[in-house]
PDB file of N, CA and C in Angstrom:
ATOM      1  N   UNK A   1     158.066  66.884  94.764  1.00  0.00           N
ATOM      2  CA  UNK A   1     157.126  67.979  94.897  1.00  0.00           C
ATOM      3  C   UNK A   1     156.972  68.647  93.557  1.00  0.00           C
ATOM      4  N   UNK A   2     155.777  68.964  93.202  1.00  0.00           N
ATOM      5  CA  UNK A   2     155.477  69.583  91.926  1.00  0.00           C
ATOM      6  C   UNK A   2     155.532  71.096  92.047  1.00  0.00           C
ATOM      7  N   UNK A   3     155.946  71.777  90.968  1.00  0.00           N
ATOM      8  CA  UNK A   3     155.959  73.236  90.944  1.00  0.00           C
ATOM      9  C   UNK A   3     154.553  73.802  90.822  1.00  0.00           C
ATOM     10  N   UNK A   4     153.572  72.973  90.566  1.00  0.00           N
ATOM     11  CA  UNK A   4     152.205  73.457  90.386  1.00  0.00           C
ATOM     12  C   UNK A   4     151.401  73.498  91.686  1.00  0.00           C
ATOM     13  N   UNK A   5     151.983  73.016  92.820  1.00  0.00           N
ATOM     14  CA  UNK A   5     151.264  73.059  94.088  1.00  0.00           C
ATOM     15  C   UNK A   5     151.154  74.495  94.572  1.00  0.00           C
ATOM     16  N   UNK A   6     150.023  74.869  95.122  1.00  0.00           N
ATOM     17  CA  UNK A   6     149.890  76.217  95.656  1.00  0.00           C
ATOM     18  C   UNK A   6     150.843  76.424  96.835  1.00  0.00           C
ATOM     19  N   UNK A   7     151.324  77.647  97.021  1.00  0.00           N
ATOM     20  CA  UNK A   7     152.262  77.967  98.082  1.00  0.00           C
ATOM     21  C   UNK A   7     151.671  77.682  99.455  1.00  0.00           C
ATOM     22  N   UNK A   8     150.380  77.879  99.627  1.00  0.00           N
ATOM     23  CA  UNK A   8     149.732  77.667 100.917  1.00  0.00           C
ATOM     24  C   UNK A   8     149.839  76.224 101.384  1.00  0.00           C
ATOM     25  N   UNK A   9     149.966  75.281 100.465  1.00  0.00           N
ATOM     26  CA  UNK A   9     150.063  73.878 100.829  1.00  0.00           C
ATOM     27  C   UNK A   9     151.365  73.596 101.565  1.00  0.00           C
ATOM     28  N   UNK A  10     152.372  74.433 101.401  1.00  0.00           N
ATOM     29  CA  UNK A  10     153.661  74.229 102.039  1.00  0.00           C
ATOM     30  C   UNK A  10     153.796  74.966 103.369  1.00  0.00           C
ATOM     31  N   UNK A  11     152.823  75.752 103.750  1.00  0.00           N
ATOM     32  CA  UNK A  11     152.924  76.515 104.991  1.00  0.00           C
ATOM     33  C   UNK A  11     152.230  75.751 106.115  1.00  0.00           C
ATOM     34  N   UNK A  12     152.813  75.831 107.316  1.00  0.00           N
ATOM     35  CA  UNK A  12     152.156  75.142 108.439  1.00  0.00           C
ATOM     36  C   UNK A  12     150.850  75.828 108.798  1.00  0.00           C
ATOM     37  N   UNK A  13     149.912  75.052 109.334  1.00  0.00           N
ATOM     38  CA  UNK A  13     148.638  75.661 109.715  1.00  0.00           C
ATOM     39  C   UNK A  13     148.834  76.481 110.987  1.00  0.00           C
ATOM     40  N   UNK A  14     148.010  77.484 111.147  1.00  0.00           N
ATOM     41  CA  UNK A  14     148.119  78.371 112.299  1.00  0.00           C
ATOM     42  C   UNK A  14     147.576  77.677 113.543  1.00  0.00           C
ATOM     43  N   UNK A  15     147.961  78.147 114.747  1.00  0.00           N
ATOM     44  CA  UNK A  15     147.402  77.555 115.969  1.00  0.00           C
ATOM     45  C   UNK A  15     145.879  77.623 116.002  1.00  0.00           C
ATOM     46  N   UNK A  16     145.296  78.696 115.464  1.00  0.00           N
ATOM     47  CA  UNK A  16     143.836  78.835 115.457  1.00  0.00           C
ATOM     48  C   UNK A  16     143.186  77.732 114.618  1.00  0.00           C
ATOM     49  N   UNK A  17     143.838  77.320 113.528  1.00  0.00           N
ATOM     50  CA  UNK A  17     143.288  76.255 112.691  1.00  0.00           C
ATOM     51  C   UNK A  17     143.342  74.907 113.400  1.00  0.00           C
ATOM     52  N   UNK A  18     144.268  74.737 114.353  1.00  0.00           N
ATOM     53  CA  UNK A  18     144.408  73.470 115.067  1.00  0.00           C
ATOM     54  C   UNK A  18     143.458  73.366 116.261  1.00  0.00           C
ATOM     55  N   UNK A  19     142.831  74.445 116.668  1.00  0.00           N
ATOM     56  CA  UNK A  19     141.956  74.439 117.848  1.00  0.00           C
ATOM     57  C   UNK A  19     140.702  73.609 117.600  1.00  0.00           C
ATOM     58  N   UNK A  20     140.238  72.968 118.672  1.00  0.00           N
ATOM     59  CA  UNK A  20     139.011  72.169 118.589  1.00  0.00           C
ATOM     60  C   UNK A  20     137.781  73.059 118.464  1.00  0.00           C
ATOM     61  N   UNK A  21     137.847  74.263 119.033  1.00  0.00           N
ATOM     62  CA  UNK A  21     136.716  75.198 118.987  1.00  0.00           C
ATOM     63  C   UNK A  21     137.248  76.619 118.811  1.00  0.00           C
ATOM     64  N   UNK A  22     136.523  77.438 118.061  1.00  0.00           N
ATOM     65  CA  UNK A  22     136.936  78.812 117.803  1.00  0.00           C
ATOM     66  C   UNK A  22     136.862  79.633 119.082  1.00  0.00           C
ATOM     67  N   UNK A  23     137.925  80.385 119.347  1.00  0.00           N
ATOM     68  CA  UNK A  23     137.966  81.242 120.532  1.00  0.00           C
ATOM     69  C   UNK A  23     137.451  82.630 120.208  1.00  0.00           C
ATOM     70  N   UNK A  24     136.768  83.228 121.201  1.00  0.00           N
ATOM     71  CA  UNK A  24     136.242  84.589 121.063  1.00  0.00           C
ATOM     72  C   UNK A  24     136.978  85.475 122.054  1.00  0.00           C
ATOM     73  N   UNK A  25     137.359  86.672 121.615  1.00  0.00           N
ATOM     74  CA  UNK A  25     138.030  87.614 122.494  1.00  0.00           C
ATOM     75  C   UNK A  25     137.045  88.134 123.535  1.00  0.00           C
ATOM     76  N   UNK A  26     137.487  88.157 124.796  1.00  0.00           N
ATOM     77  CA  UNK A  26     136.676  88.663 125.897  1.00  0.00           C
ATOM     78  C   UNK A  26     137.571  89.431 126.861  1.00  0.00           C
ATOM     79  N   UNK A  27     136.961  90.113 127.781  1.00  0.00           N
ATOM     80  CA  UNK A  27     137.669  90.759 128.877  1.00  0.00           C
ATOM     81  C   UNK A  27     136.797  90.554 130.120  1.00  0.00           C
ATOM     82  N   UNK A  28     137.042  89.433 130.804  1.00  0.00           N
ATOM     83  CA  UNK A  28     136.230  89.058 131.957  1.00  0.00           C
ATOM     84  C   UNK A  28     137.125  88.854 133.177  1.00  0.00           C
ATOM     85  N   UNK A  29     136.612  89.257 134.319  1.00  0.00           N
ATOM     86  CA  UNK A  29     137.308  89.059 135.579  1.00  0.00           C
ATOM     87  C   UNK A  29     137.113  87.627 136.047  1.00  0.00           C
ATOM     88  N   UNK A  30     138.157  87.052 136.619  1.00  0.00           N
ATOM     89  CA  UNK A  30     138.049  85.704 137.141  1.00  0.00           C
ATOM     90  C   UNK A  30     138.942  85.498 138.345  1.00  0.00           C
ATOM     91  N   UNK A  31     138.833  84.322 138.925  1.00  0.00           N
ATOM     92  CA  UNK A  31     139.693  83.946 140.042  1.00  0.00           C
ATOM     93  C   UNK A  31     140.120  82.499 139.848  1.00  0.00           C
ATOM     94  N   UNK A  32     141.396  82.263 140.062  1.00  0.00           N
ATOM     95  CA  UNK A  32     141.943  80.917 140.071  1.00  0.00           C
ATOM     96  C   UNK A  32     141.798  80.423 141.503  1.00  0.00           C
ATOM     97  N   UNK A  33     140.999  79.372 141.695  1.00  0.00           N
ATOM     98  CA  UNK A  33     140.708  78.866 143.035  1.00  0.00           C
ATOM     99  C   UNK A  33     141.588  77.645 143.281  1.00  0.00           C
ATOM    100  N   UNK A  34     142.456  77.781 144.283  1.00  0.00           N
ATOM    101  CA  UNK A  34     143.411  76.727 144.616  1.00  0.00           C
ATOM    102  C   UNK A  34     142.937  75.953 145.847  1.00  0.00           C
ATOM    103  N   UNK A  35     143.689  74.939 146.238  1.00  0.00           N
ATOM    104  CA  UNK A  35     143.358  74.152 147.429  1.00  0.00           C
ATOM    105  C   UNK A  35     143.197  75.066 148.633  1.00  0.00           C
ATOM    106  N   UNK A  36     142.331  74.718 149.532  1.00  0.00           N
ATOM    107  CA  UNK A  36     142.101  75.513 150.727  1.00  0.00           C
ATOM    108  C   UNK A  36     141.357  76.804 150.442  1.00  0.00           C
ATOM    109  N   UNK A  37     140.716  76.876 149.266  1.00  0.00           N
ATOM    110  CA  UNK A  37     139.909  78.030 148.840  1.00  0.00           C
ATOM    111  C   UNK A  37     140.723  79.305 148.680  1.00  0.00           C
ATOM    112  N   UNK A  38     142.040  79.188 148.583  1.00  0.00           N
ATOM    113  CA  UNK A  38     142.870  80.347 148.267  1.00  0.00           C
ATOM    114  C   UNK A  38     142.564  80.743 146.831  1.00  0.00           C
ATOM    115  N   UNK A  39     142.444  82.050 146.560  1.00  0.00           N
ATOM    116  CA  UNK A  39     142.082  82.520 145.218  1.00  0.00           C
ATOM    117  C   UNK A  39     143.087  83.549 144.724  1.00  0.00           C
ATOM    118  N   UNK A  40     143.371  83.485 143.417  1.00  0.00           N
ATOM    119  CA  UNK A  40     144.283  84.405 142.757  1.00  0.00           C
ATOM    120  C   UNK A  40     143.511  85.093 141.633  1.00  0.00           C
ATOM    121  N   UNK A  41     143.544  86.427 141.602  1.00  0.00           N
ATOM    122  CA  UNK A  41     142.854  87.170 140.548  1.00  0.00           C
ATOM    123  C   UNK A  41     143.460  86.887 139.185  1.00  0.00           C
ATOM    124  N   UNK A  42     142.599  86.850 138.163  1.00  0.00           N
ATOM    125  CA  UNK A  42     143.042  86.684 136.782  1.00  0.00           C
ATOM    126  C   UNK A  42     142.047  87.389 135.858  1.00  0.00           C
ATOM    127  N   UNK A  43     142.422  87.503 134.605  1.00  0.00           N
ATOM    128  CA  UNK A  43     141.554  88.075 133.581  1.00  0.00           C
ATOM    129  C   UNK A  43     141.470  87.098 132.419  1.00  0.00           C
ATOM    130  N   UNK A  44     140.251  86.796 131.968  1.00  0.00           N
ATOM    131  CA  UNK A  44     140.067  85.965 130.780  1.00  0.00           C
ATOM    132  C   UNK A  44     140.193  86.862 129.566  1.00  0.00           C
ATOM    133  N   UNK A  45     141.062  86.492 128.615  1.00  0.00           N
ATOM    134  CA  UNK A  45     141.282  87.291 127.412  1.00  0.00           C
ATOM    135  C   UNK A  45     140.607  86.687 126.186  1.00  0.00           C
ATOM    136  N   UNK A  46     140.486  85.373 126.164  1.00  0.00           N
ATOM    137  CA  UNK A  46     139.678  84.726 125.131  1.00  0.00           C
ATOM    138  C   UNK A  46     139.118  83.442 125.703  1.00  0.00           C
ATOM    139  N   UNK A  47     138.046  82.966 125.064  1.00  0.00           N
ATOM    140  CA  UNK A  47     137.350  81.795 125.591  1.00  0.00           C
ATOM    141  C   UNK A  47     136.685  81.036 124.449  1.00  0.00           C
ATOM    142  N   UNK A  48     136.546  79.731 124.608  1.00  0.00           N
ATOM    143  CA  UNK A  48     135.814  78.893 123.656  1.00  0.00           C
ATOM    144  C   UNK A  48     135.031  77.867 124.458  1.00  0.00           C
ATOM    145  N   UNK A  49     134.412  76.941 123.789  1.00  0.00           N
ATOM    146  CA  UNK A  49     133.695  75.867 124.484  1.00  0.00           C
ATOM    147  C   UNK A  49     134.665  74.912 125.167  1.00  0.00           C
ATOM    148  N   UNK A  50     135.938  74.892 124.714  1.00  0.00           N
ATOM    149  CA  UNK A  50     136.885  73.917 125.242  1.00  0.00           C
ATOM    150  C   UNK A  50     137.974  74.490 126.132  1.00  0.00           C
ATOM    151  N   UNK A  51     138.138  75.824 126.165  1.00  0.00           N
ATOM    152  CA  UNK A  51     139.207  76.380 126.986  1.00  0.00           C
ATOM    153  C   UNK A  51     139.253  77.890 126.959  1.00  0.00           C
ATOM    154  N   UNK A  52     140.325  78.440 127.545  1.00  0.00           N
ATOM    155  CA  UNK A  52     140.454  79.892 127.647  1.00  0.00           C
ATOM    156  C   UNK A  52     141.914  80.290 127.802  1.00  0.00           C
ATOM    157  N   UNK A  53     142.174  81.577 127.561  1.00  0.00           N
ATOM    158  CA  UNK A  53     143.482  82.162 127.839  1.00  0.00           C
ATOM    159  C   UNK A  53     143.309  83.125 129.001  1.00  0.00           C
ATOM    160  N   UNK A  54     144.157  82.968 130.020  1.00  0.00           N
ATOM    161  CA  UNK A  54     144.084  83.770 131.231  1.00  0.00           C
ATOM    162  C   UNK A  54     145.332  84.625 131.374  1.00  0.00           C
ATOM    163  N   UNK A  55     145.154  85.824 131.896  1.00  0.00           N
ATOM    164  CA  UNK A  55     146.271  86.684 132.272  1.00  0.00           C
ATOM    165  C   UNK A  55     146.336  86.644 133.792  1.00  0.00           C
ATOM    166  N   UNK A  56     147.525  86.313 134.311  1.00  0.00           N
ATOM    167  CA  UNK A  56     147.698  86.150 135.749  1.00  0.00           C
ATOM    168  C   UNK A  56     149.148  86.461 136.098  1.00  0.00           C
ATOM    169  N   UNK A  57     149.356  87.287 137.113  1.00  0.00           N
ATOM    170  CA  UNK A  57     150.710  87.692 137.492  1.00  0.00           C
ATOM    171  C   UNK A  57     151.591  86.501 137.870  1.00  0.00           C
ATOM    172  N   UNK A  58     151.028  85.492 138.498  1.00  0.00           N
ATOM    173  CA  UNK A  58     151.823  84.348 138.956  1.00  0.00           C
ATOM    174  C   UNK A  58     151.575  83.094 138.119  1.00  0.00           C
ATOM    175  N   UNK A  59     151.430  83.254 136.819  1.00  0.00           N
ATOM    176  CA  UNK A  59     151.072  82.143 135.930  1.00  0.00           C
ATOM    177  C   UNK A  59     152.046  80.971 136.006  1.00  0.00           C
ATOM    178  N   UNK A  60     153.340  81.243 136.096  1.00  0.00           N
ATOM    179  CA  UNK A  60     154.324  80.159 136.083  1.00  0.00           C
ATOM    180  C   UNK A  60     154.291  79.319 137.356  1.00  0.00           C
ATOM    181  N   UNK A  61     153.691  79.841 138.423  1.00  0.00           N
ATOM    182  CA  UNK A  61     153.645  79.129 139.702  1.00  0.00           C
ATOM    183  C   UNK A  61     152.365  78.317 139.900  1.00  0.00           C
ATOM    184  N   UNK A  62     151.471  78.299 138.927  1.00  0.00           N
ATOM    185  CA  UNK A  62     150.176  77.630 139.088  1.00  0.00           C
ATOM    186  C   UNK A  62     150.315  76.111 138.965  1.00  0.00           C
ATOM    187  N   UNK A  63     149.492  75.376 139.736  1.00  0.00           N
ATOM    188  CA  UNK A  63     149.474  73.913 139.589  1.00  0.00           C
ATOM    189  C   UNK A  63     148.834  73.527 138.259  1.00  0.00           C
ATOM    190  N   UNK A  64     149.024  72.288 137.845  1.00  0.00           N
ATOM    191  CA  UNK A  64     148.512  71.822 136.553  1.00  0.00           C
ATOM    192  C   UNK A  64     146.987  71.818 136.475  1.00  0.00           C
ATOM    193  N   UNK A  65     146.315  71.634 137.617  1.00  0.00           N
ATOM    194  CA  UNK A  65     144.844  71.613 137.653  1.00  0.00           C
ATOM    195  C   UNK A  65     144.367  72.540 138.764  1.00  0.00           C
ATOM    196  N   UNK A  66     143.266  73.234 138.494  1.00  0.00           N
ATOM    197  CA  UNK A  66     142.641  74.102 139.485  1.00  0.00           C
ATOM    198  C   UNK A  66     141.226  74.408 139.047  1.00  0.00           C
ATOM    199  N   UNK A  67     140.501  75.178 139.858  1.00  0.00           N
ATOM    200  CA  UNK A  67     139.154  75.615 139.497  1.00  0.00           C
ATOM    201  C   UNK A  67     139.207  77.079 139.081  1.00  0.00           C
ATOM    202  N   UNK A  68     138.406  77.444 138.093  1.00  0.00           N
ATOM    203  CA  UNK A  68     138.352  78.804 137.578  1.00  0.00           C
ATOM    204  C   UNK A  68     136.956  79.369 137.824  1.00  0.00           C
ATOM    205  N   UNK A  69     136.901  80.471 138.588  1.00  0.00           N
ATOM    206  CA  UNK A  69     135.651  81.171 138.830  1.00  0.00           C
ATOM    207  C   UNK A  69     135.567  82.337 137.852  1.00  0.00           C
ATOM    208  N   UNK A  70     134.468  82.411 137.095  1.00  0.00           N
ATOM    209  CA  UNK A  70     134.237  83.507 136.150  1.00  0.00           C
ATOM    210  C   UNK A  70     133.099  84.343 136.713  1.00  0.00           C
ATOM    211  N   UNK A  71     133.443  85.551 137.169  1.00  0.00           N
ATOM    212  CA  UNK A  71     132.478  86.403 137.860  1.00  0.00           C
ATOM    213  C   UNK A  71     131.283  86.774 136.984  1.00  0.00           C
ATOM    214  N   UNK A  72     131.524  87.161 135.731  1.00  0.00           N
ATOM    215  CA  UNK A  72     130.441  87.615 134.850  1.00  0.00           C
ATOM    216  C   UNK A  72     129.404  86.523 134.598  1.00  0.00           C
ATOM    217  N   UNK A  73     129.844  85.283 134.575  1.00  0.00           N
ATOM    218  CA  UNK A  73     128.952  84.152 134.315  1.00  0.00           C
ATOM    219  C   UNK A  73     128.497  83.476 135.609  1.00  0.00           C
ATOM    220  N   UNK A  74     129.137  83.836 136.728  1.00  0.00           N
ATOM    221  CA  UNK A  74     128.888  83.213 138.018  1.00  0.00           C
ATOM    222  C   UNK A  74     129.029  81.693 137.926  1.00  0.00           C
ATOM    223  N   UNK A  75     130.122  81.260 137.278  1.00  0.00           N
ATOM    224  CA  UNK A  75     130.367  79.832 137.094  1.00  0.00           C
ATOM    225  C   UNK A  75     131.720  79.437 137.663  1.00  0.00           C
ATOM    226  N   UNK A  76     131.827  78.175 137.984  1.00  0.00           N
ATOM    227  CA  UNK A  76     133.050  77.569 138.479  1.00  0.00           C
ATOM    228  C   UNK A  76     133.348  76.379 137.586  1.00  0.00           C
ATOM    229  N   UNK A  77     134.593  76.327 137.072  1.00  0.00           N
ATOM    230  CA  UNK A  77     134.964  75.246 136.156  1.00  0.00           C
ATOM    231  C   UNK A  77     136.257  74.599 136.600  1.00  0.00           C
ATOM    232  N   UNK A  78     136.330  73.293 136.446  1.00  0.00           N
ATOM    233  CA  UNK A  78     137.590  72.582 136.620  1.00  0.00           C
ATOM    234  C   UNK A  78     138.387  72.787 135.339  1.00  0.00           C
ATOM    235  N   UNK A  79     139.682  73.111 135.470  1.00  0.00           N
ATOM    236  CA  UNK A  79     140.515  73.329 134.303  1.00  0.00           C
ATOM    237  C   UNK A  79     141.854  72.620 134.458  1.00  0.00           C
ATOM    238  N   UNK A  80     142.486  72.399 133.312  1.00  0.00           N
ATOM    239  CA  UNK A  80     143.833  71.836 133.272  1.00  0.00           C
ATOM    240  C   UNK A  80     144.675  72.744 132.394  1.00  0.00           C
ATOM    241  N   UNK A  81     145.896  73.036 132.827  1.00  0.00           N
ATOM    242  CA  UNK A  81     146.771  73.916 132.051  1.00  0.00           C
ATOM    243  C   UNK A  81     147.243  73.196 130.794  1.00  0.00           C
ATOM    244  N   UNK A  82     147.083  73.856 129.647  1.00  0.00           N
ATOM    245  CA  UNK A  82     147.560  73.341 128.366  1.00  0.00           C
ATOM    246  C   UNK A  82     148.940  73.916 128.040  1.00  0.00           C
ATOM    247  N   UNK A  83     149.149  75.184 128.420  1.00  0.00           N
ATOM    248  CA  UNK A  83     150.449  75.849 128.227  1.00  0.00           C
ATOM    249  C   UNK A  83     150.546  77.023 129.179  1.00  0.00           C
ATOM    250  N   UNK A  84     151.792  77.454 129.438  1.00  0.00           N
ATOM    251  CA  UNK A  84     151.981  78.637 130.268  1.00  0.00           C
ATOM    252  C   UNK A  84     153.206  79.413 129.819  1.00  0.00           C
ATOM    253  N   UNK A  85     153.082  80.719 129.938  1.00  0.00           N
ATOM    254  CA  UNK A  85     154.150  81.663 129.647  1.00  0.00           C
ATOM    255  C   UNK A  85     154.145  82.672 130.782  1.00  0.00           C
ATOM    256  N   UNK A  86     155.132  83.539 130.820  1.00  0.00           N
ATOM    257  CA  UNK A  86     155.153  84.576 131.847  1.00  0.00           C
ATOM    258  C   UNK A  86     153.893  85.427 131.731  1.00  0.00           C
ATOM    259  N   UNK A  87     153.061  85.391 132.761  1.00  0.00           N
ATOM    260  CA  UNK A  87     151.852  86.200 132.795  1.00  0.00           C
ATOM    261  C   UNK A  87     150.650  85.637 132.057  1.00  0.00           C
ATOM    262  N   UNK A  88     150.790  84.504 131.355  1.00  0.00           N
ATOM    263  CA  UNK A  88     149.685  83.927 130.572  1.00  0.00           C
ATOM    264  C   UNK A  88     149.525  82.440 130.847  1.00  0.00           C
ATOM    265  N   UNK A  89     148.273  81.990 130.833  1.00  0.00           N
ATOM    266  CA  UNK A  89     147.951  80.567 130.950  1.00  0.00           C
ATOM    267  C   UNK A  89     146.943  80.191 129.876  1.00  0.00           C
ATOM    268  N   UNK A  90     147.165  79.084 129.206  1.00  0.00           N
ATOM    269  CA  UNK A  90     146.156  78.487 128.343  1.00  0.00           C
ATOM    270  C   UNK A  90     145.575  77.304 129.087  1.00  0.00           C
ATOM    271  N   UNK A  91     144.252  77.281 129.267  1.00  0.00           N
ATOM    272  CA  UNK A  91     143.626  76.199 130.023  1.00  0.00           C
ATOM    273  C   UNK A  91     142.586  75.474 129.185  1.00  0.00           C
ATOM    274  N   UNK A  92     142.427  74.203 129.482  1.00  0.00           N
ATOM    275  CA  UNK A  92     141.404  73.361 128.873  1.00  0.00           C
ATOM    276  C   UNK A  92     140.343  73.088 129.928  1.00  0.00           C
ATOM    277  N   UNK A  93     139.081  73.256 129.560  1.00  0.00           N
ATOM    278  CA  UNK A  93     137.998  72.975 130.493  1.00  0.00           C
ATOM    279  C   UNK A  93     137.836  71.470 130.659  1.00  0.00           C
ATOM    280  N   UNK A  94     137.642  71.043 131.912  1.00  0.00           N
ATOM    281  CA  UNK A  94     137.413  69.640 132.240  1.00  0.00           C
ATOM    282  C   UNK A  94     135.998  69.552 132.809  1.00  0.00           C
ATOM    283  N   UNK A  95     135.087  68.988 132.064  1.00  0.00           N
ATOM    284  CA  UNK A  95     133.707  68.878 132.520  1.00  0.00           C
ATOM    285  C   UNK A  95     132.901  70.137 132.240  1.00  0.00           C
ATOM    286  N   UNK A  96     131.704  70.153 132.758  1.00  0.00           N
ATOM    287  CA  UNK A  96     130.757  71.238 132.524  1.00  0.00           C
ATOM    288  C   UNK A  96     130.876  72.311 133.610  1.00  0.00           C
ATOM    289  N   UNK A  97     130.481  73.554 133.287  1.00  0.00           N
ATOM    290  CA  UNK A  97     130.509  74.605 134.305  1.00  0.00           C
ATOM    291  C   UNK A  97     129.440  74.351 135.370  1.00  0.00           C
ATOM    292  N   UNK A  98     129.736  74.792 136.598  1.00  0.00           N
ATOM    293  CA  UNK A  98     128.788  74.680 137.685  1.00  0.00           C
ATOM    294  C   UNK A  98     128.443  76.068 138.173  1.00  0.00           C
ATOM    295  N   UNK A  99     127.214  76.252 138.614  1.00  0.00           N
ATOM    296  CA  UNK A  99     126.803  77.529 139.168  1.00  0.00           C
ATOM    297  C   UNK A  99     127.591  77.792 140.435  1.00  0.00           C
ATOM    298  N   UNK A 100     128.080  79.015 140.559  1.00  0.00           N
ATOM    299  CA  UNK A 100     128.857  79.388 141.737  1.00  0.00           C
ATOM    300  C   UNK A 100     128.024  80.228 142.697  1.00  0.00           C
ATOM    301  N   UNK A 101     126.721  80.109 142.615  1.00  0.00           N
ATOM    302  CA  UNK A 101     125.805  80.899 143.444  1.00  0.00           C
ATOM    303  C   UNK A 101     126.169  80.769 144.918  1.00  0.00           C
ATOM    304  N   UNK A 102     126.167  81.896 145.579  1.00  0.00           N
ATOM    305  CA  UNK A 102     126.415  82.002 147.008  1.00  0.00           C
ATOM    306  C   UNK A 102     127.838  81.626 147.415  1.00  0.00           C
ATOM    307  N   UNK A 103     128.761  81.550 146.486  1.00  0.00           N
ATOM    308  CA  UNK A 103     130.154  81.259 146.826  1.00  0.00           C
ATOM    309  C   UNK A 103     130.928  82.557 146.893  1.00  0.00           C
ATOM    310  N   UNK A 104     131.855  82.623 147.813  1.00  0.00           N
ATOM    311  CA  UNK A 104     132.711  83.796 147.962  1.00  0.00           C
ATOM    312  C   UNK A 104     134.155  83.363 147.780  1.00  0.00           C
ATOM    313  N   UNK A 105     134.866  84.049 146.916  1.00  0.00           N
ATOM    314  CA  UNK A 105     136.276  83.724 146.687  1.00  0.00           C
ATOM    315  C   UNK A 105     137.119  84.960 146.886  1.00  0.00           C
TER     316      UNK A 105
END
């Protein structure tokens, strides 16, 4: 290693630099829709074209795949969990959003 390399070259890239799409901070109401149309309230904290971060009281108990209803957009999306922590879920969108018109959760 040369002493002339910039210090930044030795630092790991941030998680934001590794993302496929830039996330935007939001505060949107949502519902995690499980089998049998059971729904769990959640809040979207950030979102991108490829995924979102959700706040949910029972995050650690969620299945790996579920549907996400976003009230403000009136959309329903299939999602897969990318990571989970106490109270937080990172999800990846699977497919395109569908209109949730006339659906009740």
